Amino acid sequence: MKSKLFMLLAIVFCAAAFVSCEDEEAMGRAIKGTWEGDMGIVRSFHGKVIKPTRTVLHFNQETNTSIVGDGIMIEYYNLPELEAVYHHISWDCWKRNNGNPGFEFKSVDTQEEYCFYDDWSITEQWFEGKYPDKDGKDIYVKLKRVMSSSAPDVSKVTKWGFYED
């Protein structure tokens, strides 16, 4: 009797894990591509507070079923000495303990993290949500999907190289 109960519990657990993986894979496929908008980023540059006029994110998915990937983030500024900078990013999505999806990406260059927990959504056209800044304040994000299958050209964009002062 115990072995049958154990087997039944194992089957239920495996079925739940399989559904979770499918949900995470769907999230990975949904985020793949290029997005543009306002990430709510504020930086300090040579004693001035600056904010990008727009941010472009491109998420690559390792495989069609992958829940992790890499990409680039480009911040565009209206400054003569700083037109645009880009970062390499890594990302992943997961199913949280409460059943809600989580999504996070991180700058490989600066280690800044952008974590989206419960309050985010993604459709074919829009990515919206909020993430906590380093002080715990909510930063609201709204990005529109850019219909392009390839990553933006960064050959004329400065690699991340300035540091906040």
N, C-alpha and C. Protein backbone atom coordinates (compact mmCIF):
# COMPACT_ATOMS: atom_id res chain seq x y z
N MET A 1 0.82 -1.19 0.00
CA MET A 1 0.00 0.00 0.00
C MET A 1 0.87 1.26 0.00
N LYS A 2 1.95 1.25 0.84
CA LYS A 2 2.83 2.41 0.90
C LYS A 2 3.51 2.66 -0.43
N SER A 3 3.91 1.59 -1.10
CA SER A 3 4.61 1.77 -2.38
C SER A 3 3.67 2.34 -3.44
N LYS A 4 2.38 1.94 -3.43
CA LYS A 4 1.42 2.49 -4.38
C LYS A 4 1.18 3.97 -4.10
N LEU A 5 1.07 4.33 -2.83
CA LEU A 5 0.88 5.73 -2.46
C LEU A 5 2.11 6.55 -2.85
N PHE A 6 3.29 6.00 -2.59
CA PHE A 6 4.53 6.68 -2.97
C PHE A 6 4.59 6.88 -4.48
N MET A 7 4.22 5.83 -5.24
CA MET A 7 4.23 5.92 -6.71
C MET A 7 3.24 6.97 -7.19
N LEU A 8 2.06 7.02 -6.60
CA LEU A 8 1.06 8.01 -6.98
C LEU A 8 1.56 9.41 -6.70
N LEU A 9 2.17 9.63 -5.54
CA LEU A 9 2.73 10.94 -5.21
C LEU A 9 3.85 11.31 -6.17
N ALA A 10 4.68 10.36 -6.53
CA ALA A 10 5.77 10.63 -7.48
C ALA A 10 5.22 11.04 -8.84
N ILE A 11 4.16 10.37 -9.29
CA ILE A 11 3.54 10.71 -10.58
C ILE A 11 2.95 12.12 -10.53
N VAL A 12 2.24 12.45 -9.46
CA VAL A 12 1.65 13.78 -9.31
C VAL A 12 2.74 14.85 -9.29
N PHE A 13 3.82 14.59 -8.55
CA PHE A 13 4.92 15.55 -8.48
C PHE A 13 5.55 15.76 -9.86
N CYS A 14 5.79 14.67 -10.58
CA CYS A 14 6.40 14.78 -11.92
C CYS A 14 5.48 15.52 -12.88
N ALA A 15 4.19 15.27 -12.80
CA ALA A 15 3.24 15.99 -13.67
C ALA A 15 3.27 17.47 -13.36
N ALA A 16 3.30 17.85 -12.09
CA ALA A 16 3.36 19.26 -11.71
C ALA A 16 4.66 19.90 -12.20
N ALA A 17 5.75 19.19 -12.07
CA ALA A 17 7.04 19.72 -12.52
C ALA A 17 7.04 19.90 -14.03
N PHE A 18 6.42 18.97 -14.77
CA PHE A 18 6.36 19.07 -16.22
C PHE A 18 5.56 20.30 -16.65
N VAL A 19 4.43 20.55 -16.01
CA VAL A 19 3.62 21.72 -16.34
C VAL A 19 4.40 22.99 -16.03
N SER A 20 5.10 23.02 -14.90
CA SER A 20 5.90 24.19 -14.55
C SER A 20 6.95 24.46 -15.60
N CYS A 21 7.62 23.43 -16.07
CA CYS A 21 8.64 23.61 -17.10
C CYS A 21 8.03 24.16 -18.38
N GLU A 22 6.86 23.66 -18.76
CA GLU A 22 6.19 24.17 -19.96
C GLU A 22 5.88 25.65 -19.80
N ASP A 23 5.39 26.08 -18.62
CA ASP A 23 5.08 27.48 -18.38
C ASP A 23 6.33 28.34 -18.47
N GLU A 24 7.42 27.87 -17.89
CA GLU A 24 8.67 28.62 -17.93
C GLU A 24 9.20 28.70 -19.36
N GLU A 25 9.08 27.62 -20.13
CA GLU A 25 9.52 27.64 -21.52
C GLU A 25 8.70 28.64 -22.33
N ALA A 26 7.40 28.71 -22.07
CA ALA A 26 6.54 29.68 -22.76
C ALA A 26 6.97 31.10 -22.41
N MET A 27 7.33 31.33 -21.16
CA MET A 27 7.81 32.66 -20.76
C MET A 27 9.11 32.99 -21.49
N GLY A 28 10.00 32.02 -21.61
CA GLY A 28 11.26 32.23 -22.32
C GLY A 28 11.03 32.57 -23.78
N ARG A 29 10.09 31.89 -24.42
CA ARG A 29 9.78 32.20 -25.82
C ARG A 29 9.14 33.57 -25.95
N ALA A 30 8.32 33.97 -24.98
CA ALA A 30 7.62 35.25 -25.05
C ALA A 30 8.58 36.43 -24.93
N ILE A 31 9.61 36.33 -24.12
CA ILE A 31 10.53 37.45 -23.89
C ILE A 31 11.54 37.59 -25.02
N LYS A 32 11.78 36.53 -25.75
CA LYS A 32 12.78 36.54 -26.84
C LYS A 32 12.47 37.66 -27.83
N GLY A 33 13.51 38.40 -28.24
CA GLY A 33 13.33 39.44 -29.25
C GLY A 33 13.83 40.78 -28.77
N THR A 34 13.40 41.83 -29.46
CA THR A 34 13.87 43.19 -29.19
C THR A 34 12.73 44.04 -28.66
N TRP A 35 13.02 44.80 -27.60
CA TRP A 35 12.06 45.63 -26.91
C TRP A 35 12.64 47.04 -26.75
N GLU A 36 11.79 48.06 -26.78
CA GLU A 36 12.26 49.44 -26.66
C GLU A 36 11.32 50.23 -25.77
N GLY A 37 11.89 51.12 -24.95
CA GLY A 37 11.06 51.96 -24.10
C GLY A 37 11.84 52.55 -22.95
N ASP A 38 11.13 52.74 -21.84
CA ASP A 38 11.69 53.38 -20.66
C ASP A 38 11.88 52.35 -19.56
N MET A 39 13.13 52.17 -19.14
CA MET A 39 13.45 51.25 -18.05
C MET A 39 13.51 51.96 -16.70
N GLY A 40 13.31 53.27 -16.70
CA GLY A 40 13.35 54.02 -15.45
C GLY A 40 14.75 54.19 -14.89
N ILE A 41 15.76 54.06 -15.73
CA ILE A 41 17.15 54.14 -15.29
C ILE A 41 17.55 55.60 -15.06
N VAL A 42 18.22 55.86 -13.95
CA VAL A 42 18.79 57.17 -13.64
C VAL A 42 20.24 56.95 -13.23
N ARG A 43 21.14 57.73 -13.81
CA ARG A 43 22.56 57.58 -13.52
C ARG A 43 23.19 58.93 -13.19
N SER A 44 24.37 58.87 -12.64
CA SER A 44 25.17 60.06 -12.40
C SER A 44 26.35 60.02 -13.36
N PHE A 45 26.57 61.12 -14.08
CA PHE A 45 27.64 61.18 -15.07
C PHE A 45 28.32 62.54 -14.97
N HIS A 46 29.59 62.55 -14.56
CA HIS A 46 30.35 63.80 -14.37
C HIS A 46 29.59 64.81 -13.51
N GLY A 47 29.01 64.32 -12.42
CA GLY A 47 28.31 65.19 -11.49
C GLY A 47 26.89 65.56 -11.88
N LYS A 48 26.43 65.10 -13.04
CA LYS A 48 25.06 65.39 -13.49
C LYS A 48 24.21 64.13 -13.39
N VAL A 49 22.94 64.32 -13.04
CA VAL A 49 21.99 63.21 -13.06
C VAL A 49 21.47 63.10 -14.48
N ILE A 50 21.60 61.91 -15.07
CA ILE A 50 21.15 61.70 -16.44
C ILE A 50 20.19 60.52 -16.51
N LYS A 51 19.34 60.54 -17.51
CA LYS A 51 18.36 59.49 -17.74
C LYS A 51 18.34 59.20 -19.24
N PRO A 52 18.38 57.94 -19.63
CA PRO A 52 18.33 57.64 -21.06
C PRO A 52 17.03 58.15 -21.69
N THR A 53 17.13 58.61 -22.94
CA THR A 53 15.92 59.01 -23.67
C THR A 53 15.12 57.78 -24.08
N ARG A 54 15.83 56.66 -24.26
CA ARG A 54 15.17 55.37 -24.54
C ARG A 54 16.17 54.27 -24.26
N THR A 55 15.65 53.09 -24.04
CA THR A 55 16.46 51.91 -23.81
C THR A 55 15.99 50.81 -24.76
N VAL A 56 16.92 50.12 -25.38
CA VAL A 56 16.60 48.99 -26.25
C VAL A 56 17.20 47.74 -25.62
N LEU A 57 16.39 46.71 -25.50
CA LEU A 57 16.82 45.42 -24.96
C LEU A 57 16.63 44.35 -26.03
N HIS A 58 17.62 43.51 -26.19
CA HIS A 58 17.47 42.37 -27.10
C HIS A 58 17.80 41.11 -26.30
N PHE A 59 16.81 40.20 -26.25
CA PHE A 59 16.95 38.94 -25.51
C PHE A 59 17.10 37.79 -26.50
N ASN A 60 18.21 37.08 -26.41
CA ASN A 60 18.42 35.85 -27.16
C ASN A 60 18.00 34.68 -26.27
N GLN A 61 17.40 33.67 -26.88
CA GLN A 61 17.03 32.46 -26.14
C GLN A 61 17.96 31.35 -26.60
N GLU A 62 18.57 30.63 -25.66
CA GLU A 62 19.56 29.61 -26.03
C GLU A 62 18.97 28.54 -26.94
N THR A 63 17.80 28.03 -26.60
CA THR A 63 17.08 27.09 -27.46
C THR A 63 15.60 27.47 -27.37
N ASN A 64 14.77 26.87 -28.20
CA ASN A 64 13.34 27.19 -28.19
C ASN A 64 12.65 26.78 -26.90
N THR A 65 13.28 25.90 -26.13
CA THR A 65 12.69 25.48 -24.86
C THR A 65 13.46 26.02 -23.66
N SER A 66 14.43 26.89 -23.92
CA SER A 66 15.29 27.38 -22.86
C SER A 66 14.60 28.45 -22.03
N ILE A 67 14.92 28.49 -20.74
CA ILE A 67 14.38 29.51 -19.85
C ILE A 67 15.48 30.49 -19.42
N VAL A 68 16.60 30.45 -20.14
CA VAL A 68 17.72 31.36 -19.89
C VAL A 68 18.25 31.85 -21.23
N GLY A 69 19.02 32.95 -21.17
CA GLY A 69 19.62 33.45 -22.39
C GLY A 69 20.54 34.62 -22.11
N ASP A 70 20.94 35.27 -23.19
CA ASP A 70 21.79 36.44 -23.07
C ASP A 70 21.23 37.53 -23.98
N GLY A 71 21.97 38.60 -24.14
CA GLY A 71 21.51 39.67 -25.02
C GLY A 71 22.29 40.95 -24.77
N ILE A 72 21.68 42.06 -25.17
CA ILE A 72 22.30 43.36 -24.97
C ILE A 72 21.25 44.37 -24.52
N MET A 73 21.71 45.39 -23.83
CA MET A 73 20.87 46.52 -23.44
C MET A 73 21.61 47.78 -23.90
N ILE A 74 20.93 48.61 -24.67
CA ILE A 74 21.51 49.87 -25.15
C ILE A 74 20.74 51.02 -24.51
N GLU A 75 21.48 51.93 -23.89
CA GLU A 75 20.90 53.14 -23.30
C GLU A 75 21.29 54.31 -24.20
N TYR A 76 20.29 55.07 -24.68
CA TYR A 76 20.53 56.22 -25.55
C TYR A 76 20.37 57.50 -24.73
N TYR A 77 21.34 58.41 -24.89
CA TYR A 77 21.35 59.68 -24.17
C TYR A 77 21.42 60.84 -25.16
N ASN A 78 20.97 62.00 -24.75
CA ASN A 78 21.05 63.21 -25.56
C ASN A 78 22.19 64.09 -25.08
N LEU A 79 23.36 63.54 -24.97
CA LEU A 79 24.52 64.28 -24.51
C LEU A 79 25.61 64.20 -25.57
N PRO A 80 26.28 65.31 -25.86
CA PRO A 80 27.35 65.25 -26.87
C PRO A 80 28.45 64.27 -26.50
N GLU A 81 28.79 64.19 -25.22
CA GLU A 81 29.88 63.30 -24.79
C GLU A 81 29.41 61.88 -24.49
N LEU A 82 28.12 61.63 -24.55
CA LEU A 82 27.59 60.30 -24.27
C LEU A 82 26.30 60.12 -25.06
N GLU A 83 26.42 59.55 -26.26
CA GLU A 83 25.24 59.34 -27.08
C GLU A 83 24.52 58.03 -26.72
N ALA A 84 25.30 56.98 -26.56
CA ALA A 84 24.71 55.67 -26.24
C ALA A 84 25.79 54.76 -25.66
N VAL A 85 25.36 53.86 -24.79
CA VAL A 85 26.24 52.83 -24.26
C VAL A 85 25.48 51.51 -24.27
N TYR A 86 26.22 50.42 -24.33
CA TYR A 86 25.54 49.13 -24.27
C TYR A 86 26.20 48.24 -23.23
N HIS A 87 25.41 47.29 -22.76
CA HIS A 87 25.84 46.28 -21.79
C HIS A 87 25.50 44.92 -22.38
N HIS A 88 26.30 43.93 -22.05
CA HIS A 88 25.89 42.55 -22.28
C HIS A 88 25.02 42.15 -21.10
N ILE A 89 23.97 41.39 -21.37
CA ILE A 89 23.07 40.97 -20.30
C ILE A 89 22.88 39.46 -20.33
N SER A 90 22.49 38.93 -19.19
CA SER A 90 22.05 37.54 -19.10
C SER A 90 20.66 37.58 -18.47
N TRP A 91 19.80 36.61 -18.79
CA TRP A 91 18.44 36.61 -18.25
C TRP A 91 17.99 35.19 -17.94
N ASP A 92 16.98 35.11 -17.08
CA ASP A 92 16.32 33.83 -16.82
C ASP A 92 14.92 34.08 -16.29
N CYS A 93 14.08 33.08 -16.45
CA CYS A 93 12.72 33.14 -15.90
C CYS A 93 12.48 31.85 -15.13
N TRP A 94 11.59 31.92 -14.17
CA TRP A 94 11.36 30.78 -13.30
C TRP A 94 9.95 30.87 -12.72
N LYS A 95 9.51 29.77 -12.18
CA LYS A 95 8.23 29.70 -11.48
C LYS A 95 8.53 29.88 -10.00
N ARG A 96 7.95 30.92 -9.40
CA ARG A 96 8.19 31.20 -7.98
C ARG A 96 7.41 30.23 -7.10
N ASN A 97 7.75 30.17 -5.82
CA ASN A 97 7.07 29.27 -4.87
C ASN A 97 5.58 29.52 -4.81
N ASN A 98 5.15 30.78 -5.02
CA ASN A 98 3.72 31.08 -4.97
C ASN A 98 3.02 30.77 -6.29
N GLY A 99 3.75 30.22 -7.27
CA GLY A 99 3.16 29.85 -8.55
C GLY A 99 3.24 30.93 -9.60
N ASN A 100 3.58 32.15 -9.21
CA ASN A 100 3.68 33.25 -10.17
C ASN A 100 5.02 33.19 -10.90
N PRO A 101 5.04 33.67 -12.14
CA PRO A 101 6.31 33.66 -12.87
C PRO A 101 7.23 34.77 -12.38
N GLY A 102 8.51 34.53 -12.46
CA GLY A 102 9.51 35.54 -12.16
C GLY A 102 10.41 35.72 -13.38
N PHE A 103 10.94 36.91 -13.55
CA PHE A 103 11.83 37.20 -14.67
C PHE A 103 12.92 38.14 -14.18
N GLU A 104 14.15 37.87 -14.58
CA GLU A 104 15.26 38.70 -14.14
C GLU A 104 16.27 38.81 -15.27
N PHE A 105 16.84 40.02 -15.43
CA PHE A 105 18.02 40.10 -16.27
C PHE A 105 19.06 40.94 -15.55
N LYS A 106 20.31 40.70 -15.91
CA LYS A 106 21.44 41.31 -15.21
C LYS A 106 22.45 41.80 -16.23
N SER A 107 23.01 42.98 -15.98
CA SER A 107 24.12 43.46 -16.79
C SER A 107 25.35 42.65 -16.43
N VAL A 108 25.94 42.01 -17.41
CA VAL A 108 27.16 41.24 -17.19
C VAL A 108 28.30 42.20 -16.85
N ASP A 109 28.22 43.43 -17.39
CA ASP A 109 29.29 44.42 -17.21
C ASP A 109 29.26 45.10 -15.85
N THR A 110 28.08 45.45 -15.34
CA THR A 110 27.98 46.20 -14.08
C THR A 110 27.39 45.39 -12.94
N GLN A 111 26.85 44.21 -13.24
CA GLN A 111 26.17 43.35 -12.26
C GLN A 111 24.87 43.96 -11.74
N GLU A 112 24.36 45.03 -12.37
CA GLU A 112 23.05 45.57 -11.98
C GLU A 112 21.99 44.55 -12.33
N GLU A 113 21.05 44.35 -11.41
CA GLU A 113 19.98 43.39 -11.62
C GLU A 113 18.65 44.10 -11.77
N TYR A 114 17.82 43.56 -12.66
CA TYR A 114 16.47 44.05 -12.87
C TYR A 114 15.56 42.84 -12.67
N CYS A 115 14.92 42.76 -11.49
CA CYS A 115 14.13 41.59 -11.11
C CYS A 115 12.65 41.94 -11.15
N PHE A 116 11.90 41.18 -11.92
CA PHE A 116 10.46 41.34 -11.99
C PHE A 116 9.83 40.14 -11.30
N TYR A 117 9.04 40.42 -10.27
CA TYR A 117 8.45 39.34 -9.50
C TYR A 117 6.98 39.18 -9.84
N ASP A 118 6.08 39.71 -9.02
CA ASP A 118 4.66 39.48 -9.23
C ASP A 118 4.01 40.47 -10.20
N ASP A 119 4.50 41.69 -10.23
CA ASP A 119 3.82 42.74 -10.98
C ASP A 119 4.46 42.98 -12.34
N TRP A 120 4.29 42.03 -13.24
CA TRP A 120 4.75 42.22 -14.60
C TRP A 120 3.88 41.40 -15.54
N SER A 121 3.83 41.83 -16.79
CA SER A 121 3.06 41.09 -17.78
C SER A 121 3.72 41.26 -19.14
N ILE A 122 3.46 40.30 -19.98
CA ILE A 122 4.02 40.33 -21.32
C ILE A 122 2.96 39.88 -22.31
N THR A 123 2.84 40.63 -23.40
CA THR A 123 1.95 40.26 -24.50
C THR A 123 2.79 40.24 -25.77
N GLU A 124 2.17 40.04 -26.89
CA GLU A 124 2.90 40.06 -28.16
C GLU A 124 3.53 41.43 -28.41
N GLN A 125 2.90 42.50 -27.91
CA GLN A 125 3.36 43.87 -28.18
C GLN A 125 4.03 44.57 -27.02
N TRP A 126 3.69 44.22 -25.76
CA TRP A 126 4.13 45.01 -24.62
C TRP A 126 4.74 44.16 -23.51
N PHE A 127 5.74 44.73 -22.86
CA PHE A 127 6.30 44.20 -21.62
C PHE A 127 6.12 45.32 -20.60
N GLU A 128 5.37 45.06 -19.54
CA GLU A 128 5.13 46.06 -18.51
C GLU A 128 5.37 45.44 -17.15
N GLY A 129 5.84 46.27 -16.23
CA GLY A 129 6.04 45.76 -14.89
C GLY A 129 6.79 46.74 -14.03
N LYS A 130 7.21 46.25 -12.90
CA LYS A 130 8.01 47.08 -12.00
C LYS A 130 9.07 46.21 -11.35
N TYR A 131 10.17 46.86 -10.99
CA TYR A 131 11.24 46.18 -10.28
C TYR A 131 11.72 47.10 -9.17
N PRO A 132 12.24 46.54 -8.09
CA PRO A 132 12.73 47.39 -7.00
C PRO A 132 14.14 47.90 -7.30
N ASP A 133 14.37 49.19 -7.05
CA ASP A 133 15.73 49.71 -7.20
C ASP A 133 16.55 49.35 -5.97
N LYS A 134 17.79 49.82 -5.90
CA LYS A 134 18.67 49.43 -4.79
C LYS A 134 18.18 49.93 -3.44
N ASP A 135 17.27 50.94 -3.43
CA ASP A 135 16.70 51.44 -2.19
C ASP A 135 15.33 50.84 -1.89
N GLY A 136 14.87 49.90 -2.74
CA GLY A 136 13.57 49.27 -2.54
C GLY A 136 12.40 50.02 -3.16
N LYS A 137 12.67 51.13 -3.83
CA LYS A 137 11.62 51.91 -4.50
C LYS A 137 11.23 51.22 -5.81
N ASP A 138 9.93 51.17 -6.10
CA ASP A 138 9.46 50.53 -7.32
C ASP A 138 9.75 51.41 -8.53
N ILE A 139 10.34 50.81 -9.56
CA ILE A 139 10.62 51.47 -10.83
C ILE A 139 9.69 50.82 -11.86
N TYR A 140 8.87 51.65 -12.52
CA TYR A 140 7.91 51.15 -13.49
C TYR A 140 8.51 51.13 -14.89
N VAL A 141 8.21 50.08 -15.63
CA VAL A 141 8.78 49.84 -16.94
C VAL A 141 7.66 49.58 -17.94
N LYS A 142 7.82 50.17 -19.13
CA LYS A 142 6.91 49.85 -20.24
C LYS A 142 7.74 49.81 -21.51
N LEU A 143 7.81 48.61 -22.09
CA LEU A 143 8.60 48.40 -23.30
C LEU A 143 7.70 47.88 -24.41
N LYS A 144 7.93 48.37 -25.62
CA LYS A 144 7.18 47.91 -26.80
C LYS A 144 8.07 46.99 -27.61
N ARG A 145 7.48 45.90 -28.09
CA ARG A 145 8.24 44.98 -28.92
C ARG A 145 8.58 45.66 -30.24
N VAL A 146 9.84 45.54 -30.67
CA VAL A 146 10.30 46.05 -31.94
C VAL A 146 10.32 44.86 -32.89
N MET A 147 9.66 44.99 -34.01
CA MET A 147 9.56 43.87 -34.94
C MET A 147 10.86 43.68 -35.71
N SER A 148 11.78 43.03 -35.08
CA SER A 148 13.07 42.72 -35.69
C SER A 148 13.54 41.41 -35.10
N SER A 149 14.00 40.53 -35.95
CA SER A 149 14.46 39.23 -35.43
C SER A 149 15.95 39.25 -35.09
N SER A 150 16.64 40.32 -35.51
CA SER A 150 18.07 40.36 -35.22
C SER A 150 18.38 41.41 -34.15
N ALA A 151 19.51 41.23 -33.51
CA ALA A 151 19.94 42.15 -32.47
C ALA A 151 20.30 43.50 -33.08
N PRO A 152 20.10 44.59 -32.35
CA PRO A 152 20.51 45.90 -32.85
C PRO A 152 22.01 45.94 -33.09
N ASP A 153 22.42 46.73 -34.07
CA ASP A 153 23.84 46.88 -34.40
C ASP A 153 24.51 47.75 -33.34
N VAL A 154 25.51 47.22 -32.67
CA VAL A 154 26.22 48.00 -31.65
C VAL A 154 27.63 48.38 -32.11
N SER A 155 27.90 48.22 -33.40
CA SER A 155 29.25 48.50 -33.89
C SER A 155 29.63 49.98 -33.73
N LYS A 156 28.66 50.88 -33.68
CA LYS A 156 28.95 52.30 -33.52
C LYS A 156 28.52 52.83 -32.16
N VAL A 157 28.27 51.91 -31.24
CA VAL A 157 27.84 52.27 -29.89
C VAL A 157 28.97 51.98 -28.92
N THR A 158 29.17 52.86 -27.95
CA THR A 158 30.22 52.70 -26.95
C THR A 158 29.89 51.55 -26.01
N LYS A 159 30.85 50.67 -25.79
CA LYS A 159 30.69 49.62 -24.78
C LYS A 159 30.66 50.29 -23.42
N TRP A 160 29.91 49.72 -22.50
CA TRP A 160 29.80 50.31 -21.17
C TRP A 160 31.20 50.61 -20.65
N GLY A 161 31.48 51.86 -20.32
CA GLY A 161 32.81 52.19 -19.88
C GLY A 161 32.83 53.38 -18.94
N PHE A 162 31.69 54.05 -18.74
CA PHE A 162 31.70 55.14 -17.78
C PHE A 162 31.14 54.63 -16.46
N TYR A 163 31.62 55.21 -15.41
CA TYR A 163 31.18 54.79 -14.08
C TYR A 163 30.49 55.94 -13.40
N GLU A 164 29.45 55.62 -12.68
CA GLU A 164 28.71 56.65 -11.97
C GLU A 164 29.60 57.32 -10.94
N ASP A 165 29.44 58.62 -10.82
CA ASP A 165 30.24 59.33 -9.82
C ASP A 165 29.36 59.96 -8.78
